[in-house]
Structure formats: C-alpha cells, structure tokens
Amino acid sequence: MAQALGLQVAEKQEMGEQRAQLISREANNAVQAAFNALQRTIVHNSQTLDYLVQEMLRPILKVWLDDNLPGMVERLVRTEIERISSPRN
C-alpha cells in the first residue's frame, strides 16, 4: 500500500510538472530547432550582406580616393613644409 501511495504521489508530481510546462518537450525542441535555424540564417546572411556592401562600395571608394586623395595629401604636405621652413619667432 505504501508503495502504491508512493507511485500515486510521483504520478501527481509528474502531472503537476507537465501542467506547469505550457508545451511538451517535443514541441519545445522543435521550436528551439526552428529558432536555431533562423539564427544561423541571419548570421550567414548578415555576413553575405556585409560582403556585398563592401564589394559595392569598393569601386565608389576607389573613384573618390583617386579624385580627392592626391589633392588632400599635396595640401597637407605643403602646409607641413611651410610650418617647418618658416622661421621661429
């Protein structure tokens, strides 16, 4: 009788735990697997997107640098030469 009572208590505890869980273990595992797949896809696509943006910006940056860098460097070098070569008071 004590053993049967012990089984009933254990069954009631298990049923209570099952009631406390809103979804079954199988459903929970399926949801976790789906979210993990989504996370992997997002990470992969964000890396792909980063690569695409870099590749799209590379020619634009090259044109801008070709057009602007020589003048900027020349102006900065000229300013530095003037600063160094001017007599100090």
PDB file of N, CA and C in Angstrom:
ATOM      1  N   MET A   1       0.826  -1.183   0.000  1.00  0.00           N
ATOM      2  CA  MET A   1       0.000   0.000   0.000  1.00  0.00           C
ATOM      3  C   MET A   1       0.874   1.251   0.000  1.00  0.00           C
ATOM      4  N   ALA A   2       1.932   1.253   0.797  1.00  0.00           N
ATOM      5  CA  ALA A   2       2.830   2.410   0.856  1.00  0.00           C
ATOM      6  C   ALA A   2       3.491   2.616  -0.495  1.00  0.00           C
ATOM      7  N   GLN A   3       3.803   1.486  -1.142  1.00  0.00           N
ATOM      8  CA  GLN A   3       4.441   1.583  -2.457  1.00  0.00           C
ATOM      9  C   GLN A   3       3.466   2.165  -3.477  1.00  0.00           C
ATOM     10  N   ALA A   4       2.211   1.740  -3.442  1.00  0.00           N
ATOM     11  CA  ALA A   4       1.194   2.265  -4.337  1.00  0.00           C
ATOM     12  C   ALA A   4       0.961   3.745  -4.065  1.00  0.00           C
ATOM     13  N   LEU A   5       0.976   4.123  -2.798  1.00  0.00           N
ATOM     14  CA  LEU A   5       0.804   5.528  -2.436  1.00  0.00           C
ATOM     15  C   LEU A   5       1.985   6.349  -2.949  1.00  0.00           C
ATOM     16  N   GLY A   6       3.178   5.789  -2.874  1.00  0.00           N
ATOM     17  CA  GLY A   6       4.382   6.460  -3.375  1.00  0.00           C
ATOM     18  C   GLY A   6       4.295   6.673  -4.880  1.00  0.00           C
ATOM     19  N   LEU A   7       3.765   5.678  -5.612  1.00  0.00           N
ATOM     20  CA  LEU A   7       3.592   5.805  -7.063  1.00  0.00           C
ATOM     21  C   LEU A   7       2.573   6.890  -7.384  1.00  0.00           C
ATOM     22  N   GLN A   8       1.499   6.943  -6.615  1.00  0.00           N
ATOM     23  CA  GLN A   8       0.476   7.958  -6.845  1.00  0.00           C
ATOM     24  C   GLN A   8       1.046   9.364  -6.621  1.00  0.00           C
ATOM     25  N   VAL A   9       1.848   9.514  -5.595  1.00  0.00           N
ATOM     26  CA  VAL A   9       2.464  10.815  -5.313  1.00  0.00           C
ATOM     27  C   VAL A   9       3.396  11.186  -6.455  1.00  0.00           C
ATOM     28  N   ALA A  10       4.204  10.236  -6.910  1.00  0.00           N
ATOM     29  CA  ALA A  10       5.135  10.501  -8.007  1.00  0.00           C
ATOM     30  C   ALA A  10       4.371  10.864  -9.278  1.00  0.00           C
ATOM     31  N   GLU A  11       3.270  10.145  -9.548  1.00  0.00           N
ATOM     32  CA  GLU A  11       2.468  10.453 -10.739  1.00  0.00           C
ATOM     33  C   GLU A  11       1.859  11.845 -10.633  1.00  0.00           C
ATOM     34  N   LYS A  12       1.371  12.200  -9.456  1.00  0.00           N
ATOM     35  CA  LYS A  12       0.787  13.530  -9.267  1.00  0.00           C
ATOM     36  C   LYS A  12       1.840  14.618  -9.443  1.00  0.00           C
ATOM     37  N   GLN A  13       3.050  14.367  -8.944  1.00  0.00           N
ATOM     38  CA  GLN A  13       4.123  15.345  -9.118  1.00  0.00           C
ATOM     39  C   GLN A  13       4.460  15.513 -10.601  1.00  0.00           C
ATOM     40  N   GLU A  14       4.529  14.392 -11.311  1.00  0.00           N
ATOM     41  CA  GLU A  14       4.838  14.442 -12.748  1.00  0.00           C
ATOM     42  C   GLU A  14       3.738  15.176 -13.502  1.00  0.00           C
ATOM     43  N   MET A  15       2.478  14.905 -13.142  1.00  0.00           N
ATOM     44  CA  MET A  15       1.368  15.588 -13.796  1.00  0.00           C
ATOM     45  C   MET A  15       1.415  17.084 -13.485  1.00  0.00           C
ATOM     46  N   GLY A  16       1.792  17.423 -12.255  1.00  0.00           N
ATOM     47  CA  GLY A  16       1.913  18.824 -11.876  1.00  0.00           C
ATOM     48  C   GLY A  16       3.010  19.515 -12.674  1.00  0.00           C
ATOM     49  N   GLU A  17       4.133  18.822 -12.863  1.00  0.00           N
ATOM     50  CA  GLU A  17       5.215  19.385 -13.666  1.00  0.00           C
ATOM     51  C   GLU A  17       4.778  19.554 -15.118  1.00  0.00           C
ATOM     52  N   GLN A  18       4.049  18.578 -15.649  1.00  0.00           N
ATOM     53  CA  GLN A  18       3.562  18.672 -17.020  1.00  0.00           C
ATOM     54  C   GLN A  18       2.589  19.832 -17.164  1.00  0.00           C
ATOM     55  N   ARG A  19       1.747  20.039 -16.167  1.00  0.00           N
ATOM     56  CA  ARG A  19       0.810  21.160 -16.218  1.00  0.00           C
ATOM     57  C   ARG A  19       1.564  22.494 -16.147  1.00  0.00           C
ATOM     58  N   ALA A  20       2.653  22.518 -15.370  1.00  0.00           N
ATOM     59  CA  ALA A  20       3.435  23.747 -15.231  1.00  0.00           C
ATOM     60  C   ALA A  20       4.092  24.107 -16.566  1.00  0.00           C
ATOM     61  N   GLN A  21       4.438  23.100 -17.366  1.00  0.00           N
ATOM     62  CA  GLN A  21       5.026  23.357 -18.679  1.00  0.00           C
ATOM     63  C   GLN A  21       3.896  23.637 -19.646  1.00  0.00           C
ATOM     64  N   LEU A  22       4.005  24.741 -20.342  1.00  0.00           N
ATOM     65  CA  LEU A  22       2.949  25.134 -21.258  1.00  0.00           C
ATOM     66  C   LEU A  22       2.951  24.282 -22.520  1.00  0.00           C
ATOM     67  N   ILE A  23       4.140  23.832 -22.939  1.00  0.00           N
ATOM     68  CA  ILE A  23       4.218  22.993 -24.141  1.00  0.00           C
ATOM     69  C   ILE A  23       5.004  21.729 -23.818  1.00  0.00           C
ATOM     70  N   SER A  24       4.856  20.740 -24.658  1.00  0.00           N
ATOM     71  CA  SER A  24       5.539  19.471 -24.441  1.00  0.00           C
ATOM     72  C   SER A  24       7.027  19.607 -24.758  1.00  0.00           C
ATOM     73  N   ARG A  25       7.796  18.653 -24.305  1.00  0.00           N
ATOM     74  CA  ARG A  25       9.233  18.629 -24.569  1.00  0.00           C
ATOM     75  C   ARG A  25       9.483  18.573 -26.078  1.00  0.00           C
ATOM     76  N   GLU A  26       8.688  17.801 -26.806  1.00  0.00           N
ATOM     77  CA  GLU A  26       8.861  17.677 -28.255  1.00  0.00           C
ATOM     78  C   GLU A  26       8.602  19.014 -28.953  1.00  0.00           C
ATOM     79  N   ALA A  27       7.528  19.685 -28.531  1.00  0.00           N
ATOM     80  CA  ALA A  27       7.214  20.983 -29.123  1.00  0.00           C
ATOM     81  C   ALA A  27       8.312  21.987 -28.798  1.00  0.00           C
ATOM     82  N   ASN A  28       8.787  21.962 -27.566  1.00  0.00           N
ATOM     83  CA  ASN A  28       9.867  22.852 -27.162  1.00  0.00           C
ATOM     84  C   ASN A  28      11.118  22.608 -28.008  1.00  0.00           C
ATOM     85  N   ASN A  29      11.471  21.337 -28.214  1.00  0.00           N
ATOM     86  CA  ASN A  29      12.638  21.008 -29.038  1.00  0.00           C
ATOM     87  C   ASN A  29      12.457  21.486 -30.476  1.00  0.00           C
ATOM     88  N   ALA A  30      11.268  21.329 -31.014  1.00  0.00           N
ATOM     89  CA  ALA A  30      11.000  21.781 -32.380  1.00  0.00           C
ATOM     90  C   ALA A  30      11.120  23.292 -32.495  1.00  0.00           C
ATOM     91  N   VAL A  31      10.609  24.005 -31.511  1.00  0.00           N
ATOM     92  CA  VAL A  31      10.698  25.473 -31.517  1.00  0.00           C
ATOM     93  C   VAL A  31      12.157  25.913 -31.408  1.00  0.00           C
ATOM     94  N   GLN A  32      12.908  25.292 -30.518  1.00  0.00           N
ATOM     95  CA  GLN A  32      14.325  25.631 -30.373  1.00  0.00           C
ATOM     96  C   GLN A  32      15.083  25.367 -31.666  1.00  0.00           C
ATOM     97  N   ALA A  33      14.792  24.245 -32.317  1.00  0.00           N
ATOM     98  CA  ALA A  33      15.463  23.924 -33.579  1.00  0.00           C
ATOM     99  C   ALA A  33      15.142  24.962 -34.645  1.00  0.00           C
ATOM    100  N   ALA A  34      13.888  25.398 -34.689  1.00  0.00           N
ATOM    101  CA  ALA A  34      13.492  26.408 -35.675  1.00  0.00           C
ATOM    102  C   ALA A  34      14.200  27.734 -35.410  1.00  0.00           C
ATOM    103  N   PHE A  35      14.262  28.150 -34.140  1.00  0.00           N
ATOM    104  CA  PHE A  35      14.946  29.401 -33.819  1.00  0.00           C
ATOM    105  C   PHE A  35      16.451  29.305 -34.073  1.00  0.00           C
ATOM    106  N   ASN A  36      17.031  28.152 -33.808  1.00  0.00           N
ATOM    107  CA  ASN A  36      18.457  27.960 -34.104  1.00  0.00           C
ATOM    108  C   ASN A  36      18.712  28.065 -35.605  1.00  0.00           C
ATOM    109  N   ALA A  37      17.840  27.489 -36.407  1.00  0.00           N
ATOM    110  CA  ALA A  37      17.987  27.597 -37.864  1.00  0.00           C
ATOM    111  C   ALA A  37      17.852  29.049 -38.314  1.00  0.00           C
ATOM    112  N   LEU A  38      16.912  29.763 -37.722  1.00  0.00           N
ATOM    113  CA  LEU A  38      16.739  31.178 -38.046  1.00  0.00           C
ATOM    114  C   LEU A  38      17.990  31.970 -37.680  1.00  0.00           C
ATOM    115  N   GLN A  39      18.536  31.708 -36.514  1.00  0.00           N
ATOM    116  CA  GLN A  39      19.748  32.412 -36.080  1.00  0.00           C
ATOM    117  C   GLN A  39      20.908  32.138 -37.029  1.00  0.00           C
ATOM    118  N   ARG A  40      21.094  30.887 -37.429  1.00  0.00           N
ATOM    119  CA  ARG A  40      22.177  30.559 -38.368  1.00  0.00           C
ATOM    120  C   ARG A  40      21.974  31.279 -39.694  1.00  0.00           C
ATOM    121  N   THR A  41      20.732  31.348 -40.159  1.00  0.00           N
ATOM    122  CA  THR A  41      20.431  32.027 -41.419  1.00  0.00           C
ATOM    123  C   THR A  41      20.718  33.516 -41.317  1.00  0.00           C
ATOM    124  N   ILE A  42      20.325  34.124 -40.217  1.00  0.00           N
ATOM    125  CA  ILE A  42      20.563  35.554 -40.035  1.00  0.00           C
ATOM    126  C   ILE A  42      22.056  35.836 -40.010  1.00  0.00           C
ATOM    127  N   VAL A  43      22.810  35.048 -39.266  1.00  0.00           N
ATOM    128  CA  VAL A  43      24.257  35.247 -39.180  1.00  0.00           C
ATOM    129  C   VAL A  43      24.884  35.076 -40.555  1.00  0.00           C
ATOM    130  N   HIS A  44      24.506  34.035 -41.261  1.00  0.00           N
ATOM    131  CA  HIS A  44      25.065  33.789 -42.600  1.00  0.00           C
ATOM    132  C   HIS A  44      24.712  34.927 -43.547  1.00  0.00           C
ATOM    133  N   ASN A  45      23.451  35.349 -43.555  1.00  0.00           N
ATOM    134  CA  ASN A  45      23.025  36.404 -44.469  1.00  0.00           C
ATOM    135  C   ASN A  45      23.630  37.747 -44.105  1.00  0.00           C
ATOM    136  N   SER A  46      23.837  38.017 -42.832  1.00  0.00           N
ATOM    137  CA  SER A  46      24.446  39.294 -42.460  1.00  0.00           C
ATOM    138  C   SER A  46      25.883  39.330 -42.929  1.00  0.00           C
ATOM    139  N   GLN A  47      26.583  38.182 -42.862  1.00  0.00           N
ATOM    140  CA  GLN A  47      27.949  38.133 -43.379  1.00  0.00           C
ATOM    141  C   GLN A  47      27.932  38.318 -44.898  1.00  0.00           C
ATOM    142  N   THR A  48      26.979  37.715 -45.561  1.00  0.00           N
ATOM    143  CA  THR A  48      26.844  37.868 -47.000  1.00  0.00           C
ATOM    144  C   THR A  48      26.519  39.310 -47.343  1.00  0.00           C
ATOM    145  N   LEU A  49      25.635  39.923 -46.591  1.00  0.00           N
ATOM    146  CA  LEU A  49      25.259  41.312 -46.826  1.00  0.00           C
ATOM    147  C   LEU A  49      26.463  42.225 -46.625  1.00  0.00           C
ATOM    148  N   ASP A  50      27.237  41.986 -45.570  1.00  0.00           N
ATOM    149  CA  ASP A  50      28.449  42.779 -45.346  1.00  0.00           C
ATOM    150  C   ASP A  50      29.379  42.679 -46.547  1.00  0.00           C
ATOM    151  N   TYR A  51      29.569  41.474 -47.033  1.00  0.00           N
ATOM    152  CA  TYR A  51      30.438  41.270 -48.191  1.00  0.00           C
ATOM    153  C   TYR A  51      29.908  42.019 -49.414  1.00  0.00           C
ATOM    154  N   LEU A  52      28.610  41.925 -49.657  1.00  0.00           N
ATOM    155  CA  LEU A  52      28.023  42.603 -50.815  1.00  0.00           C
ATOM    156  C   LEU A  52      28.175  44.119 -50.721  1.00  0.00           C
ATOM    157  N   VAL A  53      27.952  44.657 -49.533  1.00  0.00           N
ATOM    158  CA  VAL A  53      28.090  46.110 -49.346  1.00  0.00           C
ATOM    159  C   VAL A  53      29.542  46.521 -49.579  1.00  0.00           C
ATOM    160  N   GLN A  54      30.478  45.759 -49.050  1.00  0.00           N
ATOM    161  CA  GLN A  54      31.899  46.068 -49.266  1.00  0.00           C
ATOM    162  C   GLN A  54      32.236  46.058 -50.748  1.00  0.00           C
ATOM    163  N   GLU A  55      31.767  45.059 -51.446  1.00  0.00           N
ATOM    164  CA  GLU A  55      32.070  44.953 -52.869  1.00  0.00           C
ATOM    165  C   GLU A  55      31.408  46.068 -53.677  1.00  0.00           C
ATOM    166  N   MET A  56      30.227  46.513 -53.244  1.00  0.00           N
ATOM    167  CA  MET A  56      29.552  47.610 -53.939  1.00  0.00           C
ATOM    168  C   MET A  56      30.259  48.937 -53.662  1.00  0.00           C
ATOM    169  N   LEU A  57      30.758  49.108 -52.441  1.00  0.00           N
ATOM    170  CA  LEU A  57      31.393  50.370 -52.076  1.00  0.00           C
ATOM    171  C   LEU A  57      32.829  50.489 -52.587  1.00  0.00           C
ATOM    172  N   ARG A  58      33.477  49.377 -52.828  1.00  0.00           N
ATOM    173  CA  ARG A  58      34.876  49.402 -53.249  1.00  0.00           C
ATOM    174  C   ARG A  58      35.100  50.278 -54.483  1.00  0.00           C
ATOM    175  N   PRO A  59      34.371  50.128 -55.588  1.00  0.00           N
ATOM    176  CA  PRO A  59      34.618  50.992 -56.745  1.00  0.00           C
ATOM    177  C   PRO A  59      34.279  52.460 -56.484  1.00  0.00           C
ATOM    178  N   ILE A  60      33.266  52.711 -55.670  1.00  0.00           N
ATOM    179  CA  ILE A  60      32.897  54.087 -55.340  1.00  0.00           C
ATOM    180  C   ILE A  60      34.018  54.728 -54.527  1.00  0.00           C
ATOM    181  N   LEU A  61      34.533  53.989 -53.558  1.00  0.00           N
ATOM    182  CA  LEU A  61      35.628  54.499 -52.735  1.00  0.00           C
ATOM    183  C   LEU A  61      36.879  54.730 -53.572  1.00  0.00           C
ATOM    184  N   LYS A  62      37.163  53.830 -54.500  1.00  0.00           N
ATOM    185  CA  LYS A  62      38.330  53.979 -55.365  1.00  0.00           C
ATOM    186  C   LYS A  62      38.236  55.265 -56.181  1.00  0.00           C
ATOM    187  N   VAL A  63      37.082  55.529 -56.774  1.00  0.00           N
ATOM    188  CA  VAL A  63      36.900  56.744 -57.567  1.00  0.00           C
ATOM    189  C   VAL A  63      37.080  57.971 -56.679  1.00  0.00           C
ATOM    190  N   TRP A  64      36.485  57.957 -55.482  1.00  0.00           N
ATOM    191  CA  TRP A  64      36.589  59.109 -54.587  1.00  0.00           C
ATOM    192  C   TRP A  64      38.044  59.339 -54.187  1.00  0.00           C
ATOM    193  N   LEU A  65      38.741  58.259 -53.829  1.00  0.00           N
ATOM    194  CA  LEU A  65      40.144  58.398 -53.449  1.00  0.00           C
ATOM    195  C   LEU A  65      40.991  58.894 -54.617  1.00  0.00           C
ATOM    196  N   ASP A  66      40.775  58.359 -55.808  1.00  0.00           N
ATOM    197  CA  ASP A  66      41.518  58.804 -56.986  1.00  0.00           C
ATOM    198  C   ASP A  66      41.290  60.292 -57.242  1.00  0.00           C
ATOM    199  N   ASP A  67      40.058  60.748 -57.028  1.00  0.00           N
ATOM    200  CA  ASP A  67      39.724  62.152 -57.287  1.00  0.00           C
ATOM    201  C   ASP A  67      40.199  63.091 -56.182  1.00  0.00           C
ATOM    202  N   ASN A  68      40.213  62.656 -54.951  1.00  0.00           N
ATOM    203  CA  ASN A  68      40.435  63.557 -53.823  1.00  0.00           C
ATOM    204  C   ASN A  68      41.743  63.370 -53.061  1.00  0.00           C
ATOM    205  N   LEU A  69      42.268  62.162 -53.003  1.00  0.00           N
ATOM    206  CA  LEU A  69      43.439  61.912 -52.164  1.00  0.00           C
ATOM    207  C   LEU A  69      44.677  62.683 -52.604  1.00  0.00           C
ATOM    208  N   PRO A  70      45.026  62.724 -53.887  1.00  0.00           N
ATOM    209  CA  PRO A  70      46.245  63.459 -54.256  1.00  0.00           C
ATOM    210  C   PRO A  70      46.200  64.929 -53.826  1.00  0.00           C
ATOM    211  N   GLY A  71      45.091  65.588 -54.052  1.00  0.00           N
ATOM    212  CA  GLY A  71      44.970  66.995 -53.648  1.00  0.00           C
ATOM    213  C   GLY A  71      45.035  67.171 -52.150  1.00  0.00           C
ATOM    214  N   MET A  72      44.406  66.280 -51.406  1.00  0.00           N
ATOM    215  CA  MET A  72      44.434  66.374 -49.945  1.00  0.00           C
ATOM    216  C   MET A  72      45.853  66.198 -49.423  1.00  0.00           C
ATOM    217  N   VAL A  73      46.548  65.189 -49.924  1.00  0.00           N
ATOM    218  CA  VAL A  73      47.918  64.931 -49.469  1.00  0.00           C
ATOM    219  C   VAL A  73      48.822  66.090 -49.853  1.00  0.00           C
ATOM    220  N   GLU A  74      48.691  66.574 -51.080  1.00  0.00           N
ATOM    221  CA  GLU A  74      49.513  67.696 -51.533  1.00  0.00           C
ATOM    222  C   GLU A  74      49.300  68.920 -50.641  1.00  0.00           C
ATOM    223  N   ARG A  75      48.061  69.226 -50.331  1.00  0.00           N
ATOM    224  CA  ARG A  75      47.744  70.377 -49.486  1.00  0.00           C
ATOM    225  C   ARG A  75      48.317  70.197 -48.081  1.00  0.00           C
ATOM    226  N   LEU A  76      48.182  69.015 -47.513  1.00  0.00           N
ATOM    227  CA  LEU A  76      48.711  68.759 -46.166  1.00  0.00           C
ATOM    228  C   LEU A  76      50.234  68.808 -46.139  1.00  0.00           C
ATOM    229  N   VAL A  77      50.875  68.254 -47.173  1.00  0.00           N
ATOM    230  CA  VAL A  77      52.335  68.278 -47.243  1.00  0.00           C
ATOM    231  C   VAL A  77      52.813  69.717 -47.387  1.00  0.00           C
ATOM    232  N   ARG A  78      52.164  70.493 -48.236  1.00  0.00           N
ATOM    233  CA  ARG A  78      52.540  71.893 -48.425  1.00  0.00           C
ATOM    234  C   ARG A  78      52.417  72.665 -47.103  1.00  0.00           C
ATOM    235  N   THR A  79      51.342  72.447 -46.372  1.00  0.00           N
ATOM    236  CA  THR A  79      51.148  73.111 -45.084  1.00  0.00           C
ATOM    237  C   THR A  79      52.243  72.724 -44.103  1.00  0.00           C
ATOM    238  N   GLU A  80      52.593  71.451 -44.068  1.00  0.00           N
ATOM    239  CA  GLU A  80      53.635  70.982 -43.143  1.00  0.00           C
ATOM    240  C   GLU A  80      54.996  71.545 -43.541  1.00  0.00           C
ATOM    241  N   ILE A  81      55.295  71.608 -44.828  1.00  0.00           N
ATOM    242  CA  ILE A  81      56.568  72.188 -45.287  1.00  0.00           C
ATOM    243  C   ILE A  81      56.637  73.651 -44.884  1.00  0.00           C
ATOM    244  N   GLU A  82      55.550  74.384 -45.061  1.00  0.00           N
ATOM    245  CA  GLU A  82      55.529  75.807 -44.672  1.00  0.00           C
ATOM    246  C   GLU A  82      55.741  75.956 -43.160  1.00  0.00           C
ATOM    247  N   ARG A  83      55.130  75.079 -42.390  1.00  0.00           N
ATOM    248  CA  ARG A  83      55.278  75.154 -40.934  1.00  0.00           C
ATOM    249  C   ARG A  83      56.716  74.887 -40.516  1.00  0.00           C
ATOM    250  N   ILE A  84      57.333  73.893 -41.126  1.00  0.00           N
ATOM    251  CA  ILE A  84      58.700  73.517 -40.756  1.00  0.00           C
ATOM    252  C   ILE A  84      59.699  74.576 -41.239  1.00  0.00           C
ATOM    253  N   SER A  85      59.508  75.108 -42.440  1.00  0.00           N
ATOM    254  CA  SER A  85      60.502  76.009 -43.018  1.00  0.00           C
ATOM    255  C   SER A  85      60.352  77.468 -42.597  1.00  0.00           C
ATOM    256  N   SER A  86      59.272  77.830 -41.966  1.00  0.00           N
ATOM    257  CA  SER A  86      59.119  79.211 -41.548  1.00  0.00           C
ATOM    258  C   SER A  86      59.984  79.481 -40.324  1.00  0.00           C
ATOM    259  N   PRO A  87      60.582  80.681 -40.282  1.00  0.00           N
ATOM    260  CA  PRO A  87      61.435  80.993 -39.119  1.00  0.00           C
ATOM    261  C   PRO A  87      60.598  81.080 -37.855  1.00  0.00           C
ATOM    262  N   ARG A  88      61.198  80.593 -36.792  1.00  0.00           N
ATOM    263  CA  ARG A  88      60.509  80.630 -35.494  1.00  0.00           C
ATOM    264  C   ARG A  88      60.804  81.940 -34.800  1.00  0.00           C
ATOM    265  N   ASN A  89      59.795  82.508 -34.229  1.00  0.00           N
ATOM    266  CA  ASN A  89      59.966  83.794 -33.530  1.00  0.00           C
ATOM    267  C   ASN A  89      60.148  83.587 -32.060  1.00  0.00           C
TER     268      ASN A  89
END
